[in-house]
């Protein structure tokens, strides 16, 4: 199962021509730089900047970031009935973003091992204190049954980024 999921992630990256390096073949220095230096994360970068999380996520870490694409944000904004400007002005913005960050560096193999050890489910605690449920469904790694991990293991000096296809929202209090 682990080999199937790894092969699937590699195929998705190749199919979409994903190039997640800084253009010089070097690993980006921070998880923030991965988002800044690659197309498809403009909304995430704007949100991280607005929430004043750039310095934190550029820090020592390590961090595991589940990074929603611009398409994921567009779908979330439509579903929530709000604009990007309303999201950026939201009091909940930092909480939503920190729900996509896990302390420590969890590579895809680590996540898969945790899911296998948990009999198909693993729970990870996020920086905002709430947990995310990780499962494997039809060979795809899912977060809270709502977001699919599309690209894995984009390494930086202070952690790793996994690209996801949906914005996940922390549980309401």
C-alpha atoms as a PDB file:
ATOM      1  CA  UNK A   1       0.000   0.000   0.000  1.00  0.00           C
ATOM      2  CA  UNK A   2       2.823   2.394   0.918  1.00  0.00           C
ATOM      3  CA  UNK A   3       4.523   1.798  -2.454  1.00  0.00           C
ATOM      4  CA  UNK A   4       1.232   2.360  -4.308  1.00  0.00           C
ATOM      5  CA  UNK A   5       0.605   5.691  -2.583  1.00  0.00           C
ATOM      6  CA  UNK A   6       4.218   6.831  -3.111  1.00  0.00           C
ATOM      7  CA  UNK A   7       4.053   5.917  -6.795  1.00  0.00           C
ATOM      8  CA  UNK A   8       0.743   7.721  -7.120  1.00  0.00           C
ATOM      9  CA  UNK A   9       2.181  10.912  -5.607  1.00  0.00           C
ATOM     10  CA  UNK A  10       5.193  10.753  -7.926  1.00  0.00           C
ATOM     11  CA  UNK A  11       2.891  10.283 -10.924  1.00  0.00           C
ATOM     12  CA  UNK A  12       0.734  13.253  -9.939  1.00  0.00           C
ATOM     13  CA  UNK A  13       3.823  15.456  -9.611  1.00  0.00           C
ATOM     14  CA  UNK A  14       5.086  14.385 -13.024  1.00  0.00           C
ATOM     15  CA  UNK A  15       1.676  14.725 -14.681  1.00  0.00           C
ATOM     16  CA  UNK A  16       1.272  18.278 -13.522  1.00  0.00           C
ATOM     17  CA  UNK A  17       4.895  19.164 -14.196  1.00  0.00           C
ATOM     18  CA  UNK A  18       5.363  20.318 -10.654  1.00  0.00           C
ATOM     19  CA  UNK A  19       8.777  21.874 -10.105  1.00  0.00           C
ATOM     20  CA  UNK A  20       9.258  22.804  -6.497  1.00  0.00           C
ATOM     21  CA  UNK A  21      12.802  24.067  -6.362  1.00  0.00           C
ATOM     22  CA  UNK A  22      14.111  27.584  -6.439  1.00  0.00           C
ATOM     23  CA  UNK A  23      15.239  27.296 -10.052  1.00  0.00           C
ATOM     24  CA  UNK A  24      18.833  26.654  -9.088  1.00  0.00           C
ATOM     25  CA  UNK A  25      18.341  23.056  -8.025  1.00  0.00           C
ATOM     26  CA  UNK A  26      18.706  24.023  -4.376  1.00  0.00           C
ATOM     27  CA  UNK A  27      16.235  23.251  -1.644  1.00  0.00           C
ATOM     28  CA  UNK A  28      14.251  26.342  -0.556  1.00  0.00           C
ATOM     29  CA  UNK A  29      15.396  27.535   2.834  1.00  0.00           C
ATOM     30  CA  UNK A  30      11.974  27.802   4.489  1.00  0.00           C
ATOM     31  CA  UNK A  31       8.481  26.420   4.094  1.00  0.00           C
ATOM     32  CA  UNK A  32       7.338  29.974   3.332  1.00  0.00           C
ATOM     33  CA  UNK A  33       9.803  30.220   0.433  1.00  0.00           C
ATOM     34  CA  UNK A  34       8.319  27.081  -1.118  1.00  0.00           C
ATOM     35  CA  UNK A  35       4.975  28.880  -1.360  1.00  0.00           C
ATOM     36  CA  UNK A  36       6.462  32.215  -2.419  1.00  0.00           C
ATOM     37  CA  UNK A  37       8.699  30.771  -5.129  1.00  0.00           C
ATOM     38  CA  UNK A  38       6.078  28.589  -6.801  1.00  0.00           C
ATOM     39  CA  UNK A  39       2.972  29.403  -8.786  1.00  0.00           C
ATOM     40  CA  UNK A  40      -0.360  28.367  -7.360  1.00  0.00           C
ATOM     41  CA  UNK A  41       0.032  29.656  -3.793  1.00  0.00           C
ATOM     42  CA  UNK A  42      -0.690  33.405  -4.123  1.00  0.00           C
ATOM     43  CA  UNK A  43      -3.713  33.257  -1.804  1.00  0.00           C
ATOM     44  CA  UNK A  44      -1.814  31.230   0.786  1.00  0.00           C
ATOM     45  CA  UNK A  45       1.104  33.673   0.680  1.00  0.00           C
ATOM     46  CA  UNK A  46      -1.265  36.645   1.031  1.00  0.00           C
ATOM     47  CA  UNK A  47      -3.017  34.966   3.954  1.00  0.00           C
ATOM     48  CA  UNK A  48       0.215  34.050   5.760  1.00  0.00           C
ATOM     49  CA  UNK A  49       1.420  37.633   5.288  1.00  0.00           C
ATOM     50  CA  UNK A  50      -1.862  39.169   6.476  1.00  0.00           C
ATOM     51  CA  UNK A  51      -1.954  36.889   9.543  1.00  0.00           C
ATOM     52  CA  UNK A  52       1.629  37.917  10.351  1.00  0.00           C
ATOM     53  CA  UNK A  53       2.861  34.320  10.270  1.00  0.00           C
ATOM     54  CA  UNK A  54       5.754  34.805   7.818  1.00  0.00           C
ATOM     55  CA  UNK A  55       8.375  35.255  10.544  1.00  0.00           C
ATOM     56  CA  UNK A  56       7.037  32.311  12.561  1.00  0.00           C
ATOM     57  CA  UNK A  57       6.985  29.937   9.559  1.00  0.00           C
ATOM     58  CA  UNK A  58      10.389  31.208   8.459  1.00  0.00           C
ATOM     59  CA  UNK A  59      11.765  30.319  11.881  1.00  0.00           C
ATOM     60  CA  UNK A  60      13.755  27.286  12.912  1.00  0.00           C
ATOM     61  CA  UNK A  61      10.831  24.847  13.021  1.00  0.00           C
ATOM     62  CA  UNK A  62      10.626  22.169  11.985  1.00  0.00           C
ATOM     63  CA  UNK A  63       7.136  22.488  10.530  1.00  0.00           C
ATOM     64  CA  UNK A  64       4.931  20.298   8.389  1.00  0.00           C
ATOM     65  CA  UNK A  65       2.666  22.492   6.268  1.00  0.00           C
ATOM     66  CA  UNK A  66      -0.373  21.179   4.421  1.00  0.00           C
ATOM     67  CA  UNK A  67      -0.520  23.900   1.762  1.00  0.00           C
ATOM     68  CA  UNK A  68      -3.806  24.547  -0.062  1.00  0.00           C
ATOM     69  CA  UNK A  69      -3.459  25.729  -3.655  1.00  0.00           C
ATOM     70  CA  UNK A  70      -5.108  28.823  -5.099  1.00  0.00           C
ATOM     71  CA  UNK A  71      -7.784  26.545  -6.584  1.00  0.00           C
ATOM     72  CA  UNK A  72      -8.414  25.097  -3.117  1.00  0.00           C
ATOM     73  CA  UNK A  73      -8.855  28.597  -1.688  1.00  0.00           C
ATOM     74  CA  UNK A  74     -11.161  29.585  -4.565  1.00  0.00           C
ATOM     75  CA  UNK A  75     -13.379  26.569  -3.875  1.00  0.00           C
ATOM     76  CA  UNK A  76     -13.412  27.311  -0.132  1.00  0.00           C
ATOM     77  CA  UNK A  77     -14.285  30.962  -0.697  1.00  0.00           C
ATOM     78  CA  UNK A  78     -17.151  29.971  -2.986  1.00  0.00           C
ATOM     79  CA  UNK A  79     -18.435  27.362  -0.515  1.00  0.00           C
ATOM     80  CA  UNK A  80     -18.243  29.862   2.352  1.00  0.00           C
ATOM     81  CA  UNK A  81     -19.808  32.646   0.288  1.00  0.00           C
ATOM     82  CA  UNK A  82     -17.007  35.116   1.023  1.00  0.00           C
ATOM     83  CA  UNK A  83     -14.385  36.983  -0.966  1.00  0.00           C
ATOM     84  CA  UNK A  84     -10.634  36.695  -0.639  1.00  0.00           C
ATOM     85  CA  UNK A  85     -10.626  40.147   0.937  1.00  0.00           C
ATOM     86  CA  UNK A  86     -13.159  39.016   3.544  1.00  0.00           C
ATOM     87  CA  UNK A  87     -11.044  35.959   4.318  1.00  0.00           C
ATOM     88  CA  UNK A  88      -7.917  38.081   4.716  1.00  0.00           C
ATOM     89  CA  UNK A  89      -9.804  40.418   7.083  1.00  0.00           C
ATOM     90  CA  UNK A  90     -11.269  37.533   9.116  1.00  0.00           C
ATOM     91  CA  UNK A  91     -10.474  37.224  12.807  1.00  0.00           C
ATOM     92  CA  UNK A  92     -10.277  33.454  12.189  1.00  0.00           C
ATOM     93  CA  UNK A  93      -7.519  33.689   9.553  1.00  0.00           C
ATOM     94  CA  UNK A  94      -4.568  32.808  11.817  1.00  0.00           C
ATOM     95  CA  UNK A  95      -6.512  29.908  13.336  1.00  0.00           C
ATOM     96  CA  UNK A  96      -7.385  28.542   9.902  1.00  0.00           C
ATOM     97  CA  UNK A  97      -3.784  28.810   8.732  1.00  0.00           C
ATOM     98  CA  UNK A  98      -2.256  27.293  11.853  1.00  0.00           C
ATOM     99  CA  UNK A  99      -4.695  24.386  11.453  1.00  0.00           C
ATOM    100  CA  UNK A 100      -2.685  23.535   8.321  1.00  0.00           C
ATOM    101  CA  UNK A 101       0.608  23.381  10.263  1.00  0.00           C
ATOM    102  CA  UNK A 102       1.882  20.480  12.348  1.00  0.00           C
ATOM    103  CA  UNK A 103       4.912  20.852  14.614  1.00  0.00           C
ATOM    104  CA  UNK A 104       7.778  18.630  13.503  1.00  0.00           C
ATOM    105  CA  UNK A 105       8.797  17.317  10.117  1.00  0.00           C
ATOM    106  CA  UNK A 106       6.402  14.604   8.930  1.00  0.00           C
ATOM    107  CA  UNK A 107       7.480  13.141   5.618  1.00  0.00           C
ATOM    108  CA  UNK A 108       4.940  11.162   3.565  1.00  0.00           C
ATOM    109  CA  UNK A 109       6.465   7.876   4.735  1.00  0.00           C
ATOM    110  CA  UNK A 110       6.014   8.971   8.383  1.00  0.00           C
ATOM    111  CA  UNK A 111       2.364   9.833   7.776  1.00  0.00           C
ATOM    112  CA  UNK A 112       1.706   6.531   5.998  1.00  0.00           C
ATOM    113  CA  UNK A 113       3.407   4.580   8.792  1.00  0.00           C
ATOM    114  CA  UNK A 114       1.220   6.351  11.374  1.00  0.00           C
ATOM    115  CA  UNK A 115      -1.926   5.560   9.367  1.00  0.00           C
ATOM    116  CA  UNK A 116      -0.926   1.902   9.058  1.00  0.00           C
ATOM    117  CA  UNK A 117      -0.107   1.718  12.775  1.00  0.00           C
ATOM    118  CA  UNK A 118      -3.469   3.300  13.576  1.00  0.00           C
ATOM    119  CA  UNK A 119      -5.360   0.673  11.571  1.00  0.00           C
ATOM    120  CA  UNK A 120      -6.225   3.077   8.778  1.00  0.00           C
ATOM    121  CA  UNK A 121      -6.408   6.341  10.707  1.00  0.00           C
ATOM    122  CA  UNK A 122      -3.891   8.650  12.329  1.00  0.00           C
ATOM    123  CA  UNK A 123      -4.557  11.803  14.275  1.00  0.00           C
ATOM    124  CA  UNK A 124      -2.049  14.641  14.289  1.00  0.00           C
ATOM    125  CA  UNK A 125      -2.167  17.740  16.443  1.00  0.00           C
ATOM    126  CA  UNK A 126      -1.819  21.055  14.653  1.00  0.00           C
ATOM    127  CA  UNK A 127      -0.112  24.229  15.810  1.00  0.00           C
ATOM    128  CA  UNK A 128      -3.505  25.728  16.696  1.00  0.00           C
ATOM    129  CA  UNK A 129      -4.197  22.835  19.091  1.00  0.00           C
ATOM    130  CA  UNK A 130      -6.926  21.062  17.114  1.00  0.00           C
ATOM    131  CA  UNK A 131      -6.319  17.701  15.464  1.00  0.00           C
ATOM    132  CA  UNK A 132      -6.489  16.482  11.875  1.00  0.00           C
ATOM    133  CA  UNK A 133      -7.597  12.952  10.998  1.00  0.00           C
ATOM    134  CA  UNK A 134      -5.403  11.356   8.320  1.00  0.00           C
ATOM    135  CA  UNK A 135      -6.699   8.382   6.338  1.00  0.00           C
ATOM    136  CA  UNK A 136      -5.915   6.579   3.103  1.00  0.00           C
ATOM    137  CA  UNK A 137      -8.956   6.236   0.842  1.00  0.00           C
ATOM    138  CA  UNK A 138      -8.718   4.584  -2.568  1.00  0.00           C
ATOM    139  CA  UNK A 139      -4.945   4.961  -2.439  1.00  0.00           C
ATOM    140  CA  UNK A 140      -5.075   8.692  -1.673  1.00  0.00           C
ATOM    141  CA  UNK A 141      -4.046  10.339   1.604  1.00  0.00           C
ATOM    142  CA  UNK A 142      -6.956  12.379   2.948  1.00  0.00           C
ATOM    143  CA  UNK A 143      -7.149  15.005   5.691  1.00  0.00           C
ATOM    144  CA  UNK A 144     -10.430  15.032   7.615  1.00  0.00           C
ATOM    145  CA  UNK A 145     -11.976  13.169   4.674  1.00  0.00           C
ATOM    146  CA  UNK A 146     -12.113  16.484   2.812  1.00  0.00           C
ATOM    147  CA  UNK A 147      -8.677  17.336   1.427  1.00  0.00           C
ATOM    148  CA  UNK A 148      -6.525  15.095  -0.747  1.00  0.00           C
ATOM    149  CA  UNK A 149      -2.759  15.317  -0.535  1.00  0.00           C
ATOM    150  CA  UNK A 150      -1.683  15.933  -4.135  1.00  0.00           C
ATOM    151  CA  UNK A 151       2.095  16.408  -3.827  1.00  0.00           C
ATOM    152  CA  UNK A 152       4.298  15.346  -0.934  1.00  0.00           C
ATOM    153  CA  UNK A 153       7.696  15.915   0.596  1.00  0.00           C
ATOM    154  CA  UNK A 154       8.648  19.378  -0.641  1.00  0.00           C
ATOM    155  CA  UNK A 155      11.565  19.770   1.724  1.00  0.00           C
ATOM    156  CA  UNK A 156      12.901  22.985   3.198  1.00  0.00           C
ATOM    157  CA  UNK A 157      15.570  23.629   5.804  1.00  0.00           C
ATOM    158  CA  UNK A 158      12.883  24.176   8.441  1.00  0.00           C
ATOM    159  CA  UNK A 159      10.411  21.446   7.519  1.00  0.00           C
ATOM    160  CA  UNK A 160       8.321  20.014   4.725  1.00  0.00           C
ATOM    161  CA  UNK A 161       5.305  21.033   2.647  1.00  0.00           C
ATOM    162  CA  UNK A 162       2.585  18.735   1.351  1.00  0.00           C
ATOM    163  CA  UNK A 163       0.256  20.280  -1.252  1.00  0.00           C
ATOM    164  CA  UNK A 164      -3.475  19.712  -0.665  1.00  0.00           C
ATOM    165  CA  UNK A 165      -6.493  20.297  -2.869  1.00  0.00           C
ATOM    166  CA  UNK A 166      -8.833  21.820  -0.269  1.00  0.00           C
ATOM    167  CA  UNK A 167      -8.755  24.228   2.641  1.00  0.00           C
ATOM    168  CA  UNK A 168      -9.500  22.413   5.883  1.00  0.00           C
ATOM    169  CA  UNK A 169     -11.275  24.315   8.613  1.00  0.00           C
ATOM    170  CA  UNK A 170     -10.631  23.807  12.299  1.00  0.00           C
ATOM    171  CA  UNK A 171     -13.534  22.483  14.364  1.00  0.00           C
ATOM    172  CA  UNK A 172     -15.873  25.151  15.702  1.00  0.00           C
ATOM    173  CA  UNK A 173     -15.821  25.727  19.414  1.00  0.00           C
END
